[in-house]
C-alpha cells in the first residue's frame, strides 16, 4: 500500500532542493542538493510529510472499505442469525489495520 502520494514527495523534494525523485518498491529516493548518487528521503522528512498530509488515497480507500464491510457484515449477521459475517469482517479489518501500519526502516 502506498503511504505517500507522489505529489507530496515531489513537493517536498522541490522545497528542499532534492531532484529526480524515484520510487523503488516502497523506498523513496532522490538526489540531495549537490549529490551525484541518490539517497533515500530521510525518515524524519517522511514522518513530517505524513503528519502534515494525513492518509493517502489508498489508505482512505482501504479504511472506507473496512467500515463498509463491517456494516454489511453486521446487517448480514442480524438477518442470518450467524456470527460468521462479523468474523469475516473482523479478519478484513485486521488485515486493513496491518496494511495501514507505517514503519520507517
N, C-alpha and C. Protein backbone atom coordinates (compact mmCIF):
# COMPACT_ATOMS: atom_id res chain seq x y z
N UNK A 1 0.84 -1.17 0.00
CA UNK A 1 0.00 0.00 0.00
C UNK A 1 0.89 1.24 0.00
N UNK A 2 0.52 2.18 -0.82
CA UNK A 2 1.27 3.44 -0.87
C UNK A 2 0.84 4.32 0.30
N UNK A 3 1.81 4.70 1.11
CA UNK A 3 1.53 5.55 2.25
C UNK A 3 1.71 7.03 1.92
N UNK A 4 2.27 7.31 0.75
CA UNK A 4 2.52 8.69 0.35
C UNK A 4 2.05 8.91 -1.08
N UNK A 5 1.46 10.05 -1.32
CA UNK A 5 1.11 10.46 -2.67
C UNK A 5 2.39 10.99 -3.33
N UNK A 6 2.61 10.63 -4.56
CA UNK A 6 3.83 11.05 -5.24
C UNK A 6 3.94 12.58 -5.32
N UNK A 7 2.81 13.26 -5.43
CA UNK A 7 2.83 14.73 -5.46
C UNK A 7 3.37 15.31 -4.16
N UNK A 8 3.04 14.69 -3.03
CA UNK A 8 3.56 15.17 -1.74
C UNK A 8 5.07 15.09 -1.72
N UNK A 9 5.60 13.96 -2.22
CA UNK A 9 7.05 13.77 -2.21
C UNK A 9 7.73 14.72 -3.19
N UNK A 10 7.12 14.92 -4.37
CA UNK A 10 7.67 15.86 -5.34
C UNK A 10 7.72 17.27 -4.74
N UNK A 11 6.66 17.64 -4.04
CA UNK A 11 6.62 18.96 -3.41
C UNK A 11 7.72 19.10 -2.37
N UNK A 12 7.92 18.07 -1.54
CA UNK A 12 8.98 18.13 -0.52
C UNK A 12 10.34 18.24 -1.19
N UNK A 13 10.56 17.45 -2.25
CA UNK A 13 11.84 17.50 -2.96
C UNK A 13 12.09 18.89 -3.53
N UNK A 14 11.06 19.48 -4.12
CA UNK A 14 11.21 20.82 -4.70
C UNK A 14 11.54 21.85 -3.62
N UNK A 15 10.84 21.77 -2.50
CA UNK A 15 11.06 22.74 -1.41
C UNK A 15 12.44 22.61 -0.78
N UNK A 16 13.02 21.40 -0.82
CA UNK A 16 14.30 21.17 -0.15
C UNK A 16 15.47 21.01 -1.11
N UNK A 17 15.24 21.26 -2.40
CA UNK A 17 16.32 21.23 -3.38
C UNK A 17 16.73 19.85 -3.84
N UNK A 18 15.95 18.84 -3.53
CA UNK A 18 16.24 17.49 -4.00
C UNK A 18 15.67 17.33 -5.40
N UNK A 19 16.29 16.48 -6.21
CA UNK A 19 15.85 16.32 -7.60
C UNK A 19 15.66 14.86 -7.95
N UNK A 20 15.00 14.61 -9.06
CA UNK A 20 14.83 13.29 -9.67
C UNK A 20 14.31 12.24 -8.70
N UNK A 21 13.15 12.50 -8.13
CA UNK A 21 12.52 11.52 -7.24
C UNK A 21 12.19 10.25 -8.01
N UNK A 22 12.52 9.12 -7.44
CA UNK A 22 12.02 7.86 -7.98
C UNK A 22 11.68 6.93 -6.84
N UNK A 23 10.71 6.07 -7.12
CA UNK A 23 10.19 5.17 -6.10
C UNK A 23 10.56 3.75 -6.50
N UNK A 24 11.22 3.07 -5.60
CA UNK A 24 11.63 1.68 -5.82
C UNK A 24 10.97 0.84 -4.74
N UNK A 25 9.92 0.11 -5.13
CA UNK A 25 9.14 -0.62 -4.13
C UNK A 25 8.43 0.39 -3.25
N UNK A 26 8.73 0.34 -1.97
CA UNK A 26 8.18 1.33 -1.04
C UNK A 26 9.29 2.20 -0.46
N UNK A 27 10.38 2.30 -1.19
CA UNK A 27 11.50 3.17 -0.82
C UNK A 27 11.45 4.40 -1.73
N UNK A 28 11.71 5.55 -1.15
CA UNK A 28 11.64 6.81 -1.89
C UNK A 28 13.04 7.40 -1.97
N UNK A 29 13.55 7.56 -3.19
CA UNK A 29 14.92 8.02 -3.42
C UNK A 29 14.90 9.31 -4.22
N UNK A 30 15.91 10.13 -3.99
CA UNK A 30 16.09 11.36 -4.78
C UNK A 30 17.53 11.82 -4.61
N UNK A 31 17.92 12.76 -5.45
CA UNK A 31 19.27 13.32 -5.37
C UNK A 31 19.26 14.54 -4.46
N UNK A 32 20.00 14.50 -3.35
CA UNK A 32 20.10 15.69 -2.49
C UNK A 32 20.85 16.80 -3.23
N UNK A 33 20.77 18.02 -2.73
CA UNK A 33 21.48 19.13 -3.38
C UNK A 33 22.98 18.84 -3.49
N UNK A 34 23.51 18.93 -4.71
CA UNK A 34 24.94 18.75 -4.95
C UNK A 34 25.42 17.31 -4.95
N UNK A 35 24.54 16.34 -4.84
CA UNK A 35 24.96 14.94 -4.78
C UNK A 35 24.96 14.33 -6.18
N UNK A 36 25.79 13.30 -6.36
CA UNK A 36 25.86 12.62 -7.65
C UNK A 36 25.21 11.24 -7.59
N UNK A 37 24.89 10.76 -6.40
CA UNK A 37 24.16 9.50 -6.28
C UNK A 37 22.91 9.75 -5.43
N UNK A 38 21.83 9.04 -5.75
CA UNK A 38 20.59 9.27 -4.99
C UNK A 38 20.70 8.69 -3.58
N UNK A 39 19.93 9.26 -2.70
CA UNK A 39 19.85 8.79 -1.32
C UNK A 39 18.38 8.63 -0.96
N UNK A 40 18.09 7.76 0.01
CA UNK A 40 16.70 7.67 0.47
C UNK A 40 16.26 8.99 1.10
N UNK A 41 15.02 9.33 0.90
CA UNK A 41 14.49 10.52 1.56
C UNK A 41 14.54 10.25 3.06
N UNK A 42 15.04 11.18 3.86
CA UNK A 42 15.21 10.94 5.30
C UNK A 42 13.89 10.55 5.98
N UNK A 43 13.96 9.58 6.89
CA UNK A 43 12.74 9.14 7.61
C UNK A 43 12.04 10.29 8.34
N UNK A 44 12.82 11.23 8.86
CA UNK A 44 12.21 12.37 9.56
C UNK A 44 11.34 13.18 8.60
N UNK A 45 11.81 13.33 7.37
CA UNK A 45 11.05 14.07 6.37
C UNK A 45 9.77 13.32 6.01
N UNK A 46 9.87 12.00 5.88
CA UNK A 46 8.68 11.20 5.57
C UNK A 46 7.66 11.28 6.70
N UNK A 47 8.13 11.25 7.94
CA UNK A 47 7.21 11.36 9.08
C UNK A 47 6.55 12.73 9.11
N UNK A 48 7.30 13.77 8.78
CA UNK A 48 6.74 15.12 8.74
C UNK A 48 5.68 15.24 7.64
N UNK A 49 5.98 14.68 6.47
CA UNK A 49 5.02 14.70 5.36
C UNK A 49 3.74 13.98 5.78
N UNK A 50 3.90 12.81 6.41
CA UNK A 50 2.75 12.02 6.83
C UNK A 50 1.91 12.78 7.86
N UNK A 51 2.59 13.44 8.80
CA UNK A 51 1.87 14.20 9.83
C UNK A 51 1.10 15.38 9.22
N UNK A 52 1.68 16.01 8.20
CA UNK A 52 1.03 17.15 7.55
C UNK A 52 -0.13 16.73 6.66
N UNK A 53 0.08 15.71 5.86
CA UNK A 53 -0.87 15.37 4.80
C UNK A 53 -1.92 14.36 5.22
N UNK A 54 -1.63 13.50 6.19
CA UNK A 54 -2.61 12.50 6.63
C UNK A 54 -2.59 11.25 5.76
N UNK A 55 -3.76 10.69 5.54
CA UNK A 55 -3.88 9.43 4.80
C UNK A 55 -3.77 9.66 3.30
N UNK A 56 -3.12 8.71 2.63
CA UNK A 56 -3.05 8.76 1.16
C UNK A 56 -4.37 8.24 0.59
N UNK A 57 -4.51 8.32 -0.71
CA UNK A 57 -5.73 7.85 -1.37
C UNK A 57 -5.99 6.37 -1.13
N UNK A 58 -4.95 5.54 -1.23
CA UNK A 58 -5.11 4.11 -1.00
C UNK A 58 -5.49 3.83 0.45
N UNK A 59 -4.89 4.55 1.38
CA UNK A 59 -5.21 4.34 2.79
C UNK A 59 -6.66 4.71 3.08
N UNK A 60 -7.14 5.79 2.48
CA UNK A 60 -8.53 6.19 2.66
C UNK A 60 -9.47 5.13 2.09
N UNK A 61 -9.12 4.63 0.91
CA UNK A 61 -9.95 3.62 0.26
C UNK A 61 -10.06 2.36 1.11
N UNK A 62 -8.93 1.87 1.63
CA UNK A 62 -8.94 0.68 2.47
C UNK A 62 -9.72 0.92 3.76
N UNK A 63 -9.58 2.09 4.35
CA UNK A 63 -10.29 2.40 5.60
C UNK A 63 -11.80 2.43 5.37
N UNK A 64 -12.22 3.10 4.32
CA UNK A 64 -13.64 3.16 4.00
C UNK A 64 -14.17 1.76 3.68
N UNK A 65 -13.37 0.98 2.95
CA UNK A 65 -13.76 -0.39 2.63
C UNK A 65 -13.97 -1.24 3.88
N UNK A 66 -13.10 -1.08 4.87
CA UNK A 66 -13.23 -1.85 6.11
C UNK A 66 -14.52 -1.47 6.84
N UNK A 67 -14.85 -0.19 6.85
CA UNK A 67 -16.09 0.25 7.51
C UNK A 67 -17.30 -0.30 6.78
N UNK A 68 -17.29 -0.23 5.45
CA UNK A 68 -18.42 -0.73 4.66
C UNK A 68 -18.60 -2.23 4.86
N UNK A 69 -17.50 -2.98 4.82
CA UNK A 69 -17.58 -4.44 5.02
C UNK A 69 -18.14 -4.74 6.41
N UNK A 70 -17.74 -3.98 7.41
CA UNK A 70 -18.23 -4.21 8.78
C UNK A 70 -19.73 -3.93 8.89
N UNK A 71 -20.19 -2.86 8.27
CA UNK A 71 -21.62 -2.54 8.31
C UNK A 71 -22.43 -3.63 7.61
N UNK A 72 -21.98 -4.04 6.44
CA UNK A 72 -22.68 -5.10 5.71
C UNK A 72 -22.67 -6.40 6.51
N UNK A 73 -21.54 -6.71 7.14
CA UNK A 73 -21.44 -7.93 7.95
C UNK A 73 -22.38 -7.88 9.15
N UNK A 74 -22.51 -6.71 9.76
CA UNK A 74 -23.43 -6.58 10.90
C UNK A 74 -24.87 -6.83 10.47
N UNK A 75 -25.24 -6.28 9.33
CA UNK A 75 -26.60 -6.49 8.82
C UNK A 75 -26.82 -7.96 8.48
N UNK A 76 -25.85 -8.57 7.80
CA UNK A 76 -25.97 -9.99 7.45
C UNK A 76 -26.02 -10.86 8.70
N UNK A 77 -25.22 -10.55 9.68
CA UNK A 77 -25.22 -11.33 10.92
C UNK A 77 -26.59 -11.28 11.60
N UNK A 78 -27.22 -10.14 11.57
CA UNK A 78 -28.54 -9.99 12.18
C UNK A 78 -29.57 -10.84 11.44
N UNK A 79 -29.59 -10.72 10.12
CA UNK A 79 -30.62 -11.43 9.35
C UNK A 79 -30.35 -12.93 9.24
N UNK A 80 -29.09 -13.32 9.18
CA UNK A 80 -28.75 -14.74 9.08
C UNK A 80 -28.67 -15.41 10.45
N UNK A 81 -28.69 -14.60 11.50
CA UNK A 81 -28.55 -15.09 12.87
C UNK A 81 -27.31 -15.97 13.01
N UNK A 82 -26.22 -15.43 12.45
CA UNK A 82 -24.94 -16.13 12.46
C UNK A 82 -23.82 -15.12 12.71
N UNK A 83 -22.83 -15.51 13.50
CA UNK A 83 -21.71 -14.59 13.74
C UNK A 83 -20.63 -14.64 12.66
N UNK A 84 -20.77 -15.53 11.69
CA UNK A 84 -19.72 -15.70 10.68
C UNK A 84 -19.42 -14.43 9.87
N UNK A 85 -20.44 -13.70 9.41
CA UNK A 85 -20.10 -12.47 8.67
C UNK A 85 -19.28 -11.48 9.51
N UNK A 86 -19.58 -11.38 10.80
CA UNK A 86 -18.81 -10.48 11.66
C UNK A 86 -17.38 -10.99 11.83
N UNK A 87 -17.21 -12.30 11.88
CA UNK A 87 -15.86 -12.87 11.96
C UNK A 87 -15.05 -12.54 10.73
N UNK A 88 -15.69 -12.64 9.57
CA UNK A 88 -15.00 -12.30 8.32
C UNK A 88 -14.70 -10.80 8.25
N UNK A 89 -15.62 -9.98 8.74
CA UNK A 89 -15.38 -8.53 8.76
C UNK A 89 -14.22 -8.20 9.70
N UNK A 90 -14.15 -8.90 10.83
CA UNK A 90 -13.04 -8.68 11.76
C UNK A 90 -11.71 -9.03 11.09
N UNK A 91 -11.69 -10.15 10.37
CA UNK A 91 -10.46 -10.56 9.68
C UNK A 91 -10.06 -9.52 8.63
N UNK A 92 -11.03 -9.02 7.87
CA UNK A 92 -10.74 -8.00 6.87
C UNK A 92 -10.22 -6.72 7.52
N UNK A 93 -10.83 -6.33 8.63
CA UNK A 93 -10.39 -5.12 9.34
C UNK A 93 -8.98 -5.31 9.90
N UNK A 94 -8.68 -6.52 10.39
CA UNK A 94 -7.34 -6.78 10.93
C UNK A 94 -6.28 -6.67 9.83
N UNK A 95 -6.58 -7.20 8.66
CA UNK A 95 -5.65 -7.09 7.54
C UNK A 95 -5.48 -5.62 7.14
N UNK A 96 -6.57 -4.89 7.11
CA UNK A 96 -6.52 -3.47 6.76
C UNK A 96 -5.66 -2.69 7.73
N UNK A 97 -5.84 -2.94 9.02
CA UNK A 97 -5.03 -2.23 10.03
C UNK A 97 -3.55 -2.58 9.85
N UNK A 98 -3.26 -3.84 9.54
CA UNK A 98 -1.88 -4.23 9.29
C UNK A 98 -1.28 -3.51 8.09
N UNK A 99 -2.07 -3.36 7.05
CA UNK A 99 -1.60 -2.65 5.86
C UNK A 99 -1.43 -1.15 6.11
N UNK A 100 -2.23 -0.60 6.99
CA UNK A 100 -2.15 0.83 7.29
C UNK A 100 -0.95 1.17 8.16
N UNK A 101 -0.35 0.18 8.79
CA UNK A 101 0.79 0.42 9.67
C UNK A 101 1.94 1.01 8.86
N UNK A 102 2.44 2.13 9.32
CA UNK A 102 3.51 2.84 8.63
C UNK A 102 4.77 2.72 9.47
N UNK A 103 5.77 2.02 8.94
CA UNK A 103 7.02 1.84 9.67
C UNK A 103 8.16 2.45 8.88
N UNK A 104 9.09 3.02 9.60
CA UNK A 104 10.30 3.58 8.99
C UNK A 104 11.42 2.56 9.14
N UNK A 105 12.09 2.28 8.04
CA UNK A 105 13.22 1.34 8.09
C UNK A 105 14.51 2.07 8.31
